[in-house]
PDB file of N, CA and C in Angstrom:
ATOM      1  N   MET A   1      16.846 -11.917  16.660  1.00  0.00           N
ATOM      2  CA  MET A   1      15.786 -12.670  15.713  1.00  0.00           C
ATOM      3  C   MET A   1      16.269 -13.739  15.487  1.00  0.00           C
ATOM      4  N   SER A   2      15.547 -14.710  15.568  1.00  0.00           N
ATOM      5  CA  SER A   2      15.837 -16.136  15.288  1.00  0.00           C
ATOM      6  C   SER A   2      15.862 -16.569  13.841  1.00  0.00           C
ATOM      7  N   GLU A   3      16.534 -17.741  13.428  1.00  0.00           N
ATOM      8  CA  GLU A   3      16.675 -17.679  11.801  1.00  0.00           C
ATOM      9  C   GLU A   3      15.546 -18.237  11.442  1.00  0.00           C
ATOM     10  N   GLN A   4      14.343 -18.912  12.261  1.00  0.00           N
ATOM     11  CA  GLN A   4      13.447 -19.195  11.898  1.00  0.00           C
ATOM     12  C   GLN A   4      12.345 -17.611  11.507  1.00  0.00           C
ATOM     13  N   GLU A   5      12.673 -16.846  12.571  1.00  0.00           N
ATOM     14  CA  GLU A   5      11.880 -15.454  12.236  1.00  0.00           C
ATOM     15  C   GLU A   5      12.127 -14.895  10.866  1.00  0.00           C
ATOM     16  N   ILE A   6      13.592 -14.912  10.885  1.00  0.00           N
ATOM     17  CA  ILE A   6      13.980 -14.257   9.671  1.00  0.00           C
ATOM     18  C   ILE A   6      13.602 -14.991   8.345  1.00  0.00           C
ATOM     19  N   THR A   7      13.310 -16.295   8.219  1.00  0.00           N
ATOM     20  CA  THR A   7      13.050 -16.989   7.012  1.00  0.00           C
ATOM     21  C   THR A   7      11.296 -16.846   6.998  1.00  0.00           C
ATOM     22  N   SER A   8      10.586 -16.733   8.269  1.00  0.00           N
ATOM     23  CA  SER A   8       9.077 -16.216   8.029  1.00  0.00           C
ATOM     24  C   SER A   8       9.185 -14.945   7.336  1.00  0.00           C
ATOM     25  N   GLN A   9       9.701 -13.927   7.984  1.00  0.00           N
ATOM     26  CA  GLN A   9       9.747 -12.585   7.389  1.00  0.00           C
ATOM     27  C   GLN A   9      10.305 -12.498   6.043  1.00  0.00           C
ATOM     28  N   GLN A  10      11.082 -12.872   5.492  1.00  0.00           N
ATOM     29  CA  GLN A  10      11.728 -13.321   4.077  1.00  0.00           C
ATOM     30  C   GLN A  10      10.549 -13.751   3.372  1.00  0.00           C
ATOM     31  N   LEU A  11       9.790 -14.974   3.617  1.00  0.00           N
ATOM     32  CA  LEU A  11       8.733 -15.473   2.867  1.00  0.00           C
ATOM     33  C   LEU A  11       7.569 -14.801   2.844  1.00  0.00           C
ATOM     34  N   ILE A  12       7.057 -13.929   4.009  1.00  0.00           N
ATOM     35  CA  ILE A  12       6.025 -12.874   3.771  1.00  0.00           C
ATOM     36  C   ILE A  12       6.241 -11.666   2.941  1.00  0.00           C
ATOM     37  N   ARG A  13       7.346 -11.246   2.883  1.00  0.00           N
ATOM     38  CA  ARG A  13       7.782  -9.987   2.275  1.00  0.00           C
ATOM     39  C   ARG A  13       7.845 -10.725   0.439  1.00  0.00           C
ATOM     40  N   GLY A  14       8.500 -11.712   0.382  1.00  0.00           N
ATOM     41  CA  GLY A  14       8.289 -12.598  -0.818  1.00  0.00           C
ATOM     42  C   GLY A  14       6.632 -12.779  -1.617  1.00  0.00           C
ATOM     43  N   LYS A  15       5.994 -13.158  -0.766  1.00  0.00           N
ATOM     44  CA  LYS A  15       4.719 -13.074  -1.006  1.00  0.00           C
ATOM     45  C   LYS A  15       3.910 -11.885  -1.512  1.00  0.00           C
ATOM     46  N   LEU A  16       4.155 -10.847  -0.652  1.00  0.00           N
ATOM     47  CA  LEU A  16       3.708  -9.789  -1.142  1.00  0.00           C
ATOM     48  C   LEU A  16       4.326  -8.890  -2.145  1.00  0.00           C
ATOM     49  N   ASN A  17       5.627  -9.170  -2.247  1.00  0.00           N
ATOM     50  CA  ASN A  17       6.214  -8.684  -3.623  1.00  0.00           C
ATOM     51  C   ASN A  17       5.781  -9.296  -4.531  1.00  0.00           C
ATOM     52  N   SER A  18       5.512 -10.514  -4.686  1.00  0.00           N
ATOM     53  CA  SER A  18       5.131 -11.277  -5.725  1.00  0.00           C
ATOM     54  C   SER A  18       3.706 -10.991  -6.110  1.00  0.00           C
ATOM     55  N   GLU A  19       2.791 -10.154  -5.199  1.00  0.00           N
ATOM     56  CA  GLU A  19       1.404  -9.654  -5.232  1.00  0.00           C
ATOM     57  C   GLU A  19       1.340  -8.363  -5.806  1.00  0.00           C
ATOM     58  N   THR A  20       2.396  -7.753  -5.764  1.00  0.00           N
ATOM     59  CA  THR A  20       2.450  -6.300  -5.946  1.00  0.00           C
ATOM     60  C   THR A  20       2.608  -6.081  -7.669  1.00  0.00           C
ATOM     61  N   ALA A  21       1.686  -5.262  -8.286  1.00  0.00           N
ATOM     62  CA  ALA A  21       1.355  -5.055  -9.490  1.00  0.00           C
ATOM     63  C   ALA A  21       0.833  -3.503  -9.712  1.00  0.00           C
ATOM     64  N   ARG A  22       1.417  -3.568 -11.218  1.00  0.00           N
ATOM     65  CA  ARG A  22       1.062  -1.776 -11.475  1.00  0.00           C
ATOM     66  C   ARG A  22      -0.402  -2.502 -12.092  1.00  0.00           C
ATOM     67  N   ILE A  23      -1.347  -1.066 -11.740  1.00  0.00           N
ATOM     68  CA  ILE A  23      -2.750  -1.173 -11.991  1.00  0.00           C
ATOM     69  C   ILE A  23      -3.375  -0.069 -12.128  1.00  0.00           C
ATOM     70  N   PRO A  24      -4.398   0.106 -13.123  1.00  0.00           N
ATOM     71  CA  PRO A  24      -4.693   1.423 -13.729  1.00  0.00           C
ATOM     72  C   PRO A  24      -5.938   1.733 -12.521  1.00  0.00           C
ATOM     73  N   TRP A  25      -5.627   3.121 -12.179  1.00  0.00           N
ATOM     74  CA  TRP A  25      -6.710   3.676 -10.921  1.00  0.00           C
ATOM     75  C   TRP A  25      -8.107   3.652 -11.322  1.00  0.00           C
ATOM     76  N   LYS A  26      -8.356   3.556 -12.685  1.00  0.00           N
ATOM     77  CA  LYS A  26      -9.840   3.524 -12.940  1.00  0.00           C
ATOM     78  C   LYS A  26     -10.533   1.715 -12.708  1.00  0.00           C
ATOM     79  N   GLU A  27      -9.642   0.822 -12.563  1.00  0.00           N
ATOM     80  CA  GLU A  27      -9.616  -0.676 -12.061  1.00  0.00           C
ATOM     81  C   GLU A  27      -9.827  -0.570 -10.431  1.00  0.00           C
ATOM     82  N   LEU A  28      -9.683   0.546  -9.669  1.00  0.00           N
ATOM     83  CA  LEU A  28      -9.524   0.868  -8.451  1.00  0.00           C
ATOM     84  C   LEU A  28     -10.886   1.493  -7.651  1.00  0.00           C
ATOM     85  N   GLN A  29     -11.479   1.742  -8.538  1.00  0.00           N
ATOM     86  CA  GLN A  29     -12.694   2.950  -8.124  1.00  0.00           C
ATOM     87  C   GLN A  29     -13.545   2.197  -7.073  1.00  0.00           C
ATOM     88  N   ARG A  30     -13.882   0.740  -7.225  1.00  0.00           N
ATOM     89  CA  ARG A  30     -14.783   0.271  -6.075  1.00  0.00           C
ATOM     90  C   ARG A  30     -14.366   0.077  -4.569  1.00  0.00           C
ATOM     91  N   HIS A  31     -12.752  -0.034  -5.009  1.00  0.00           N
ATOM     92  CA  HIS A  31     -11.882  -0.042  -3.320  1.00  0.00           C
ATOM     93  C   HIS A  31     -12.021   1.509  -2.789  1.00  0.00           C
ATOM     94  N   PHE A  32     -11.855   2.327  -3.828  1.00  0.00           N
ATOM     95  CA  PHE A  32     -11.829   3.750  -3.449  1.00  0.00           C
ATOM     96  C   PHE A  32     -13.054   4.190  -2.766  1.00  0.00           C
ATOM     97  N   ALA A  33     -14.149   3.627  -3.270  1.00  0.00           N
ATOM     98  CA  ALA A  33     -15.657   3.930  -2.767  1.00  0.00           C
ATOM     99  C   ALA A  33     -15.930   3.337  -1.602  1.00  0.00           C
ATOM    100  N   SER A  34     -15.084   2.327  -1.451  1.00  0.00           N
ATOM    101  CA  SER A  34     -15.407   1.731  -0.062  1.00  0.00           C
ATOM    102  C   SER A  34     -14.688   2.199   1.094  1.00  0.00           C
ATOM    103  N   GLY A  35     -13.521   3.139   0.817  1.00  0.00           N
ATOM    104  CA  GLY A  35     -12.892   3.678   1.587  1.00  0.00           C
ATOM    105  C   GLY A  35     -11.780   2.743   2.012  1.00  0.00           C
ATOM    106  N   TYR A  36     -11.069   1.995   1.186  1.00  0.00           N
ATOM    107  CA  TYR A  36     -10.105   1.285   1.692  1.00  0.00           C
ATOM    108  C   TYR A  36      -8.570   1.297   0.694  1.00  0.00           C
ATOM    109  N   THR A  37      -8.689   2.467   0.248  1.00  0.00           N
ATOM    110  CA  THR A  37      -7.260   2.468  -0.504  1.00  0.00           C
ATOM    111  C   THR A  37      -6.246   3.706   0.324  1.00  0.00           C
ATOM    112  N   LEU A  38      -5.428   3.350   0.349  1.00  0.00           N
ATOM    113  CA  LEU A  38      -4.119   4.095   1.012  1.00  0.00           C
ATOM    114  C   LEU A  38      -3.027   4.339   0.050  1.00  0.00           C
ATOM    115  N   PHE A  39      -2.732   5.656   0.302  1.00  0.00           N
ATOM    116  CA  PHE A  39      -1.467   6.171  -0.592  1.00  0.00           C
ATOM    117  C   PHE A  39      -0.317   5.955   0.267  1.00  0.00           C
ATOM    118  N   VAL A  40       0.589   5.580  -0.099  1.00  0.00           N
ATOM    119  CA  VAL A  40       2.082   5.336   0.392  1.00  0.00           C
ATOM    120  C   VAL A  40       3.052   6.490  -0.142  1.00  0.00           C
ATOM    121  N   SER A  41       3.471   7.198   0.578  1.00  0.00           N
ATOM    122  CA  SER A  41       4.347   7.957   0.090  1.00  0.00           C
ATOM    123  C   SER A  41       5.730   7.282  -0.495  1.00  0.00           C
ATOM    124  N   LEU A  42       6.345   8.261  -1.562  1.00  0.00           N
ATOM    125  CA  LEU A  42       7.691   7.504  -2.056  1.00  0.00           C
ATOM    126  C   LEU A  42       8.702   7.451  -1.187  1.00  0.00           C
ATOM    127  N   GLU A  43       8.690   8.026   0.041  1.00  0.00           N
ATOM    128  CA  GLU A  43       9.859   8.075   0.814  1.00  0.00           C
ATOM    129  C   GLU A  43      10.058   6.562   1.493  1.00  0.00           C
ATOM    130  N   LEU A  44       8.552   6.044   1.580  1.00  0.00           N
ATOM    131  CA  LEU A  44       8.572   4.479   2.174  1.00  0.00           C
ATOM    132  C   LEU A  44       8.562   3.557   0.909  1.00  0.00           C
ATOM    133  N   ASP A  45       8.934   2.358   1.351  1.00  0.00           N
ATOM    134  CA  ASP A  45       9.040   1.176   0.570  1.00  0.00           C
ATOM    135  C   ASP A  45       7.706   0.478   0.636  1.00  0.00           C
ATOM    136  N   LEU A  46       6.846   0.410  -0.523  1.00  0.00           N
ATOM    137  CA  LEU A  46       5.466  -0.186  -0.534  1.00  0.00           C
ATOM    138  C   LEU A  46       5.549  -1.467   0.268  1.00  0.00           C
ATOM    139  N   ILE A  47       6.581  -2.382  -0.149  1.00  0.00           N
ATOM    140  CA  ILE A  47       6.492  -3.762   0.372  1.00  0.00           C
ATOM    141  C   ILE A  47       6.953  -3.530   2.244  1.00  0.00           C
ATOM    142  N   ASP A  48       7.710  -2.717   2.579  1.00  0.00           N
ATOM    143  CA  ASP A  48       7.852  -2.526   3.956  1.00  0.00           C
ATOM    144  C   ASP A  48       6.816  -2.210   4.790  1.00  0.00           C
ATOM    145  N   VAL A  49       5.578  -1.205   3.996  1.00  0.00           N
ATOM    146  CA  VAL A  49       4.432  -0.813   4.469  1.00  0.00           C
ATOM    147  C   VAL A  49       3.427  -2.224   4.437  1.00  0.00           C
ATOM    148  N   ALA A  50       3.603  -2.817   3.507  1.00  0.00           N
ATOM    149  CA  ALA A  50       2.576  -4.032   3.369  1.00  0.00           C
ATOM    150  C   ALA A  50       2.720  -4.801   4.356  1.00  0.00           C
ATOM    151  N   TYR A  51       4.253  -5.093   4.674  1.00  0.00           N
ATOM    152  CA  TYR A  51       4.546  -6.130   5.723  1.00  0.00           C
ATOM    153  C   TYR A  51       4.085  -5.568   6.938  1.00  0.00           C
ATOM    154  N   GLN A  52       4.181  -4.375   7.146  1.00  0.00           N
ATOM    155  CA  GLN A  52       3.929  -3.960   8.708  1.00  0.00           C
ATOM    156  C   GLN A  52       2.452  -4.057   8.944  1.00  0.00           C
ATOM    157  N   PHE A  53       1.469  -3.622   7.654  1.00  0.00           N
ATOM    158  CA  PHE A  53       0.315  -3.992   7.698  1.00  0.00           C
ATOM    159  C   PHE A  53      -0.153  -5.526   7.951  1.00  0.00           C
ATOM    160  N   GLU A  54       0.392  -6.279   7.004  1.00  0.00           N
ATOM    161  CA  GLU A  54       0.363  -7.687   7.149  1.00  0.00           C
ATOM    162  C   GLU A  54       0.484  -8.268   8.750  1.00  0.00           C
ATOM    163  N   GLN A  55       1.749  -7.818   9.407  1.00  0.00           N
ATOM    164  CA  GLN A  55       1.897  -7.942  10.914  1.00  0.00           C
ATOM    165  C   GLN A  55       1.073  -7.413  11.884  1.00  0.00           C
ATOM    166  N   ASP A  56       0.181  -6.340  11.531  1.00  0.00           N
ATOM    167  CA  ASP A  56      -0.715  -5.565  12.184  1.00  0.00           C
ATOM    168  C   ASP A  56       0.160  -4.929  13.389  1.00  0.00           C
ATOM    169  N   ASN A  57       1.181  -4.085  12.703  1.00  0.00           N
ATOM    170  CA  ASN A  57       2.010  -3.434  13.468  1.00  0.00           C
ATOM    171  C   ASN A  57       1.396  -1.849  13.775  1.00  0.00           C
ATOM    172  N   ALA A  58       0.825  -2.034  14.388  1.00  0.00           N
ATOM    173  CA  ALA A  58      -0.210  -0.692  14.654  1.00  0.00           C
ATOM    174  C   ALA A  58       0.516   0.513  15.123  1.00  0.00           C
ATOM    175  N   GLN A  59       1.645   0.342  15.922  1.00  0.00           N
ATOM    176  CA  GLN A  59       2.521   1.377  16.337  1.00  0.00           C
ATOM    177  C   GLN A  59       3.351   2.383  15.041  1.00  0.00           C
ATOM    178  N   GLN A  60       3.881   1.145  14.391  1.00  0.00           N
ATOM    179  CA  GLN A  60       4.449   1.827  12.995  1.00  0.00           C
ATOM    180  C   GLN A  60       3.368   2.477  12.253  1.00  0.00           C
ATOM    181  N   ILE A  61       2.343   1.895  12.155  1.00  0.00           N
ATOM    182  CA  ILE A  61       1.471   2.108  11.052  1.00  0.00           C
ATOM    183  C   ILE A  61       0.802   3.555  11.574  1.00  0.00           C
ATOM    184  N   GLU A  62       0.766   3.732  12.902  1.00  0.00           N
ATOM    185  CA  GLU A  62       0.333   5.130  13.604  1.00  0.00           C
ATOM    186  C   GLU A  62       1.150   6.244  13.178  1.00  0.00           C
ATOM    187  N   LEU A  63       2.514   5.822  13.422  1.00  0.00           N
ATOM    188  CA  LEU A  63       3.748   6.964  13.189  1.00  0.00           C
ATOM    189  C   LEU A  63       3.707   7.221  11.803  1.00  0.00           C
ATOM    190  N   TRP A  64       3.454   6.239  10.637  1.00  0.00           N
ATOM    191  CA  TRP A  64       3.303   6.838   9.410  1.00  0.00           C
ATOM    192  C   TRP A  64       2.305   7.607   9.139  1.00  0.00           C
ATOM    193  N   LEU A  65       1.073   7.205   9.837  1.00  0.00           N
ATOM    194  CA  LEU A  65      -0.037   8.070   9.400  1.00  0.00           C
ATOM    195  C   LEU A  65      -0.261   9.759   9.939  1.00  0.00           C
ATOM    196  N   ASN A  66       0.525   9.514  11.165  1.00  0.00           N
ATOM    197  CA  ASN A  66       0.719  11.082  12.076  1.00  0.00           C
ATOM    198  C   ASN A  66       1.542  11.686  11.029  1.00  0.00           C
ATOM    199  N   ALA A  67       2.651  11.000  10.537  1.00  0.00           N
ATOM    200  CA  ALA A  67       3.495  11.607   9.548  1.00  0.00           C
ATOM    201  C   ALA A  67       3.151  12.234   8.176  1.00  0.00           C
ATOM    202  N   GLU A  68       2.069  11.394   8.004  1.00  0.00           N
ATOM    203  CA  GLU A  68       1.231  11.719   6.458  1.00  0.00           C
ATOM    204  C   GLU A  68       2.008  11.132   5.545  1.00  0.00           C
ATOM    205  N   LEU A  69       2.618   9.792   5.839  1.00  0.00           N
ATOM    206  CA  LEU A  69       3.709   9.282   4.997  1.00  0.00           C
ATOM    207  C   LEU A  69       2.589   7.959   4.409  1.00  0.00           C
ATOM    208  N   ILE A  70       1.513   7.985   5.175  1.00  0.00           N
ATOM    209  CA  ILE A  70       0.463   6.778   4.420  1.00  0.00           C
ATOM    210  C   ILE A  70      -0.686   7.650   4.934  1.00  0.00           C
ATOM    211  N   HIS A  71      -1.842   7.741   3.763  1.00  0.00           N
ATOM    212  CA  HIS A  71      -3.144   8.363   3.964  1.00  0.00           C
ATOM    213  C   HIS A  71      -4.227   7.973   3.298  1.00  0.00           C
ATOM    214  N   GLN A  72      -5.475   8.150   3.641  1.00  0.00           N
ATOM    215  CA  GLN A  72      -6.399   7.297   2.551  1.00  0.00           C
ATOM    216  C   GLN A  72      -6.192   8.404   1.590  1.00  0.00           C
ATOM    217  N   VAL A  73      -6.814   7.706   0.424  1.00  0.00           N
ATOM    218  CA  VAL A  73      -6.608   8.630  -0.759  1.00  0.00           C
ATOM    219  C   VAL A  73      -7.577   9.702  -1.014  1.00  0.00           C
ATOM    220  N   ARG A  74      -7.280  10.803  -1.464  1.00  0.00           N
ATOM    221  CA  ARG A  74      -8.126  11.731  -1.141  1.00  0.00           C
ATOM    222  C   ARG A  74      -9.006  12.044  -2.376  1.00  0.00           C
ATOM    223  N   ASN A  75     -10.124  12.642  -2.523  1.00  0.00           N
ATOM    224  CA  ASN A  75     -10.937  12.916  -3.390  1.00  0.00           C
ATOM    225  C   ASN A  75     -10.276  13.474  -4.715  1.00  0.00           C
ATOM    226  N   ASP A  76      -9.460  14.826  -4.280  1.00  0.00           N
ATOM    227  CA  ASP A  76      -8.621  15.332  -5.534  1.00  0.00           C
ATOM    228  C   ASP A  76      -7.891  14.548  -5.950  1.00  0.00           C
ATOM    229  N   GLN A  77      -7.008  13.554  -5.411  1.00  0.00           N
ATOM    230  CA  GLN A  77      -6.192  12.683  -5.497  1.00  0.00           C
ATOM    231  C   GLN A  77      -6.555  11.742  -6.752  1.00  0.00           C
ATOM    232  N   ALA A  78      -7.890  11.290  -6.100  1.00  0.00           N
ATOM    233  CA  ALA A  78      -8.633  10.342  -7.104  1.00  0.00           C
ATOM    234  C   ALA A  78      -9.249  10.801  -8.366  1.00  0.00           C
ATOM    235  N   ARG A  79      -9.708  11.960  -8.474  1.00  0.00           N
ATOM    236  CA  ARG A  79      -9.845  12.719  -9.631  1.00  0.00           C
ATOM    237  C   ARG A  79      -8.736  13.003 -10.247  1.00  0.00           C
ATOM    238  N   GLU A  80      -7.859  13.428 -10.056  1.00  0.00           N
ATOM    239  CA  GLU A  80      -6.712  13.671 -10.967  1.00  0.00           C
ATOM    240  C   GLU A  80      -6.192  12.478 -11.453  1.00  0.00           C
ATOM    241  N   TRP A  81      -5.718  11.151 -10.626  1.00  0.00           N
ATOM    242  CA  TRP A  81      -5.675   9.816 -11.091  1.00  0.00           C
ATOM    243  C   TRP A  81      -6.685   9.368 -12.285  1.00  0.00           C
ATOM    244  N   TYR A  82      -7.952   9.495 -12.094  1.00  0.00           N
ATOM    245  CA  TYR A  82      -8.837   9.280 -13.162  1.00  0.00           C
ATOM    246  C   TYR A  82      -8.778   9.994 -14.311  1.00  0.00           C
ATOM    247  N   ASN A  83      -8.555  11.413 -14.058  1.00  0.00           N
ATOM    248  CA  ASN A  83      -8.552  12.174 -15.466  1.00  0.00           C
ATOM    249  C   ASN A  83      -7.297  11.929 -16.168  1.00  0.00           C
ATOM    250  N   ASN A  84      -6.233  11.691 -15.452  1.00  0.00           N
ATOM    251  CA  ASN A  84      -4.927  11.405 -16.356  1.00  0.00           C
ATOM    252  C   ASN A  84      -4.561  10.020 -16.630  1.00  0.00           C
ATOM    253  N   ASP A  85      -5.632   9.004 -16.434  1.00  0.00           N
ATOM    254  CA  ASP A  85      -5.643   7.864 -16.558  1.00  0.00           C
ATOM    255  C   ASP A  85      -4.095   6.953 -16.231  1.00  0.00           C
ATOM    256  N   ALA A  86      -4.193   7.228 -14.669  1.00  0.00           N
ATOM    257  CA  ALA A  86      -3.121   7.002 -13.907  1.00  0.00           C
ATOM    258  C   ALA A  86      -2.805   5.533 -13.705  1.00  0.00           C
ATOM    259  N   THR A  87      -1.724   4.972 -13.581  1.00  0.00           N
ATOM    260  CA  THR A  87      -1.152   3.526 -13.246  1.00  0.00           C
ATOM    261  C   THR A  87      -0.490   3.444 -12.177  1.00  0.00           C
ATOM    262  N   LEU A  88      -0.948   2.979 -10.978  1.00  0.00           N
ATOM    263  CA  LEU A  88      -0.240   2.968  -9.854  1.00  0.00           C
ATOM    264  C   LEU A  88       0.199   1.453  -9.292  1.00  0.00           C
ATOM    265  N   TRP A  89       1.496   1.491  -8.625  1.00  0.00           N
ATOM    266  CA  TRP A  89       1.605   0.229  -7.731  1.00  0.00           C
ATOM    267  C   TRP A  89       0.589   0.167  -6.824  1.00  0.00           C
ATOM    268  N   ALA A  90       0.176  -1.264  -6.535  1.00  0.00           N
ATOM    269  CA  ALA A  90      -0.494  -1.704  -5.678  1.00  0.00           C
ATOM    270  C   ALA A  90      -0.397  -2.825  -5.094  1.00  0.00           C
ATOM    271  N   CYS A  91      -0.558  -2.982  -3.692  1.00  0.00           N
ATOM    272  CA  CYS A  91      -0.345  -4.247  -3.133  1.00  0.00           C
ATOM    273  C   CYS A  91      -1.532  -4.485  -2.146  1.00  0.00           C
ATOM    274  N   VAL A  92      -2.304  -5.568  -1.901  1.00  0.00           N
ATOM    275  CA  VAL A  92      -3.389  -5.616  -1.141  1.00  0.00           C
ATOM    276  C   VAL A  92      -3.131  -6.312   0.099  1.00  0.00           C
ATOM    277  N   VAL A  93      -3.316  -6.020   1.278  1.00  0.00           N
ATOM    278  CA  VAL A  93      -3.340  -6.536   2.394  1.00  0.00           C
ATOM    279  C   VAL A  93      -4.760  -5.993   3.135  1.00  0.00           C
ATOM    280  N   SER A  94      -5.588  -7.184   2.702  1.00  0.00           N
ATOM    281  CA  SER A  94      -6.893  -7.262   3.095  1.00  0.00           C
ATOM    282  C   SER A  94      -7.053  -6.680   4.713  1.00  0.00           C
ATOM    283  N   PRO A  95      -8.032  -5.418   4.482  1.00  0.00           N
ATOM    284  CA  PRO A  95      -9.121  -5.045   3.327  1.00  0.00           C
ATOM    285  C   PRO A  95      -8.388  -4.103   2.714  1.00  0.00           C
ATOM    286  N   TRP A  96      -7.162  -3.530   2.921  1.00  0.00           N
ATOM    287  CA  TRP A  96      -6.636  -2.208   2.475  1.00  0.00           C
ATOM    288  C   TRP A  96      -5.707  -2.644   0.825  1.00  0.00           C
ATOM    289  N   VAL A  97      -6.027  -1.604   0.288  1.00  0.00           N
ATOM    290  CA  VAL A  97      -5.186  -1.595  -1.082  1.00  0.00           C
ATOM    291  C   VAL A  97      -4.143  -0.525  -1.046  1.00  0.00           C
ATOM    292  N   LEU A  98      -3.202  -0.588  -1.003  1.00  0.00           N
ATOM    293  CA  LEU A  98      -1.944   0.027  -0.476  1.00  0.00           C
ATOM    294  C   LEU A  98      -1.561   0.566  -1.996  1.00  0.00           C
ATOM    295  N   LEU A  99      -1.242   1.831  -2.116  1.00  0.00           N
ATOM    296  CA  LEU A  99      -0.955   2.440  -3.664  1.00  0.00           C
ATOM    297  C   LEU A  99       0.372   3.310  -3.315  1.00  0.00           C
ATOM    298  N   GLN A 100       1.146   3.426  -4.573  1.00  0.00           N
ATOM    299  CA  GLN A 100       2.122   4.160  -4.608  1.00  0.00           C
ATOM    300  C   GLN A 100       2.249   4.920  -6.078  1.00  0.00           C
ATOM    301  N   HIS A 101       2.771   5.809  -6.430  1.00  0.00           N
ATOM    302  CA  HIS A 101       2.976   6.241  -7.751  1.00  0.00           C
ATOM    303  C   HIS A 101       3.708   5.524  -8.408  1.00  0.00           C
ATOM    304  N   SER A 102       3.578   5.122  -9.832  1.00  0.00           N
ATOM    305  CA  SER A 102       4.690   4.162 -10.482  1.00  0.00           C
ATOM    306  C   SER A 102       5.238   5.241 -11.728  1.00  0.00           C
ATOM    307  N   ASP A 103       6.448   4.715 -12.148  1.00  0.00           N
ATOM    308  CA  ASP A 103       7.475   5.761 -12.870  1.00  0.00           C
ATOM    309  C   ASP A 103       6.685   5.579 -14.191  1.00  0.00           C
TER     310      ASP A 103
END
Protein backbone atom coordinates (compact mmCIF):
# COMPACT_ATOMS: atom_id res chain seq x y z
CA MET A 1 0.00 0.00 0.00
CA SER A 2 1.42 3.37 -1.00
CA GLU A 3 1.87 6.29 1.36
CA GLN A 4 -0.90 8.14 -0.47
CA GLU A 5 -3.30 5.18 0.00
CA ILE A 6 -2.43 5.00 3.70
CA THR A 7 -3.04 8.73 4.11
CA SER A 8 -6.36 8.48 2.27
CA GLN A 9 -7.42 5.54 4.44
CA GLN A 10 -6.48 7.46 7.60
CA LEU A 11 -8.45 10.51 6.47
CA ILE A 12 -11.56 8.44 5.73
CA ARG A 13 -11.31 6.59 9.05
CA GLY A 14 -10.80 9.90 10.87
CA LYS A 15 -13.87 11.36 9.19
CA LEU A 16 -15.96 8.32 10.12
CA ASN A 17 -14.70 8.42 13.69
CA SER A 18 -15.58 12.11 14.03
CA GLU A 19 -19.09 11.39 12.74
CA THR A 20 -19.70 8.54 15.20
CA ALA A 21 -21.81 9.41 18.22
CA ARG A 22 -23.97 7.97 20.97
CA ILE A 23 -27.62 8.43 20.12
CA PRO A 24 -30.87 7.36 21.76
CA TRP A 25 -32.58 4.52 19.92
CA LYS A 26 -35.84 6.47 19.92
CA GLU A 27 -34.23 9.03 17.59
CA LEU A 28 -33.47 6.29 15.06
CA GLN A 29 -37.03 4.98 14.60
CA ARG A 30 -37.39 6.53 11.11
CA HIS A 31 -34.24 4.76 9.91
CA PHE A 32 -35.37 1.47 11.43
CA ALA A 33 -38.78 1.78 9.76
CA SER A 34 -37.01 2.35 6.43
CA GLY A 35 -34.92 -0.80 6.91
CA TYR A 36 -31.58 0.97 7.00
CA THR A 37 -30.33 0.12 10.48
CA LEU A 38 -27.63 -2.52 10.87
CA PHE A 39 -26.42 -3.92 14.17
CA VAL A 40 -22.66 -4.47 14.49
CA SER A 41 -21.42 -7.12 16.94
CA LEU A 42 -19.06 -6.00 19.67
CA GLU A 43 -16.56 -8.45 18.16
CA LEU A 44 -16.04 -5.89 15.40
CA ASP A 45 -14.77 -2.33 15.51
CA LEU A 46 -17.57 0.01 14.40
CA ILE A 47 -15.17 2.27 12.48
CA ASP A 48 -13.63 -0.71 10.65
CA VAL A 49 -17.09 -1.82 9.57
CA ALA A 50 -18.05 1.70 8.52
CA TYR A 51 -14.83 1.96 6.52
CA GLN A 52 -15.58 -1.26 4.64
CA PHE A 53 -19.07 0.07 3.83
CA GLU A 54 -17.57 3.39 2.73
CA GLN A 55 -15.18 1.50 0.43
CA ASP A 56 -18.03 -0.71 -0.83
CA ASN A 57 -16.06 -3.83 0.10
CA ALA A 58 -18.89 -6.26 -0.68
CA GLN A 59 -16.72 -9.34 -0.11
CA GLN A 60 -15.86 -8.40 3.50
CA ILE A 61 -19.39 -7.22 4.24
CA GLU A 62 -20.81 -10.49 2.94
CA LEU A 63 -18.46 -12.46 5.22
CA TRP A 64 -19.68 -10.49 8.24
CA LEU A 65 -23.31 -10.90 7.19
CA ASN A 66 -22.91 -14.65 6.75
CA ALA A 67 -21.24 -14.91 10.18
CA GLU A 68 -24.07 -12.75 11.62
CA LEU A 69 -21.51 -10.28 12.94
CA ILE A 70 -23.63 -7.60 11.28
CA HIS A 71 -27.34 -7.87 10.59
CA GLN A 72 -30.43 -5.79 10.16
CA VAL A 73 -31.86 -4.67 13.46
CA ARG A 74 -34.55 -7.18 14.39
CA ASN A 75 -38.01 -6.22 15.64
CA ASP A 76 -37.45 -7.79 19.07
CA GLN A 77 -34.13 -5.99 19.41
CA ALA A 78 -35.73 -2.67 18.42
CA ARG A 79 -38.57 -3.19 20.90
CA GLU A 80 -36.13 -3.97 23.72
CA TRP A 81 -34.04 -0.87 22.97
CA TYR A 82 -37.18 1.25 22.82
CA ASN A 83 -38.52 -0.10 26.11
CA ASN A 84 -35.13 0.30 27.83
CA ASP A 85 -34.58 3.78 26.39
CA ALA A 86 -31.25 2.50 25.04
CA THR A 87 -28.46 4.68 23.75
CA LEU A 88 -26.26 3.21 21.01
CA TRP A 89 -23.13 4.10 19.11
CA ALA A 90 -24.11 5.11 15.58
CA CYS A 91 -22.17 5.78 12.43
CA VAL A 92 -23.89 6.73 9.18
CA VAL A 93 -22.59 5.40 5.88
CA SER A 94 -25.47 6.40 3.67
CA PRO A 95 -27.98 4.92 3.38
CA TRP A 96 -27.02 2.71 6.35
CA VAL A 97 -26.96 3.57 10.03
CA LEU A 98 -24.50 1.19 11.69
CA LEU A 99 -25.25 0.59 15.37
CA GLN A 100 -23.38 -0.95 18.25
CA HIS A 101 -24.05 -1.21 21.97
CA SER A 102 -22.54 1.52 24.08
CA ASP A 103 -21.38 1.16 27.66
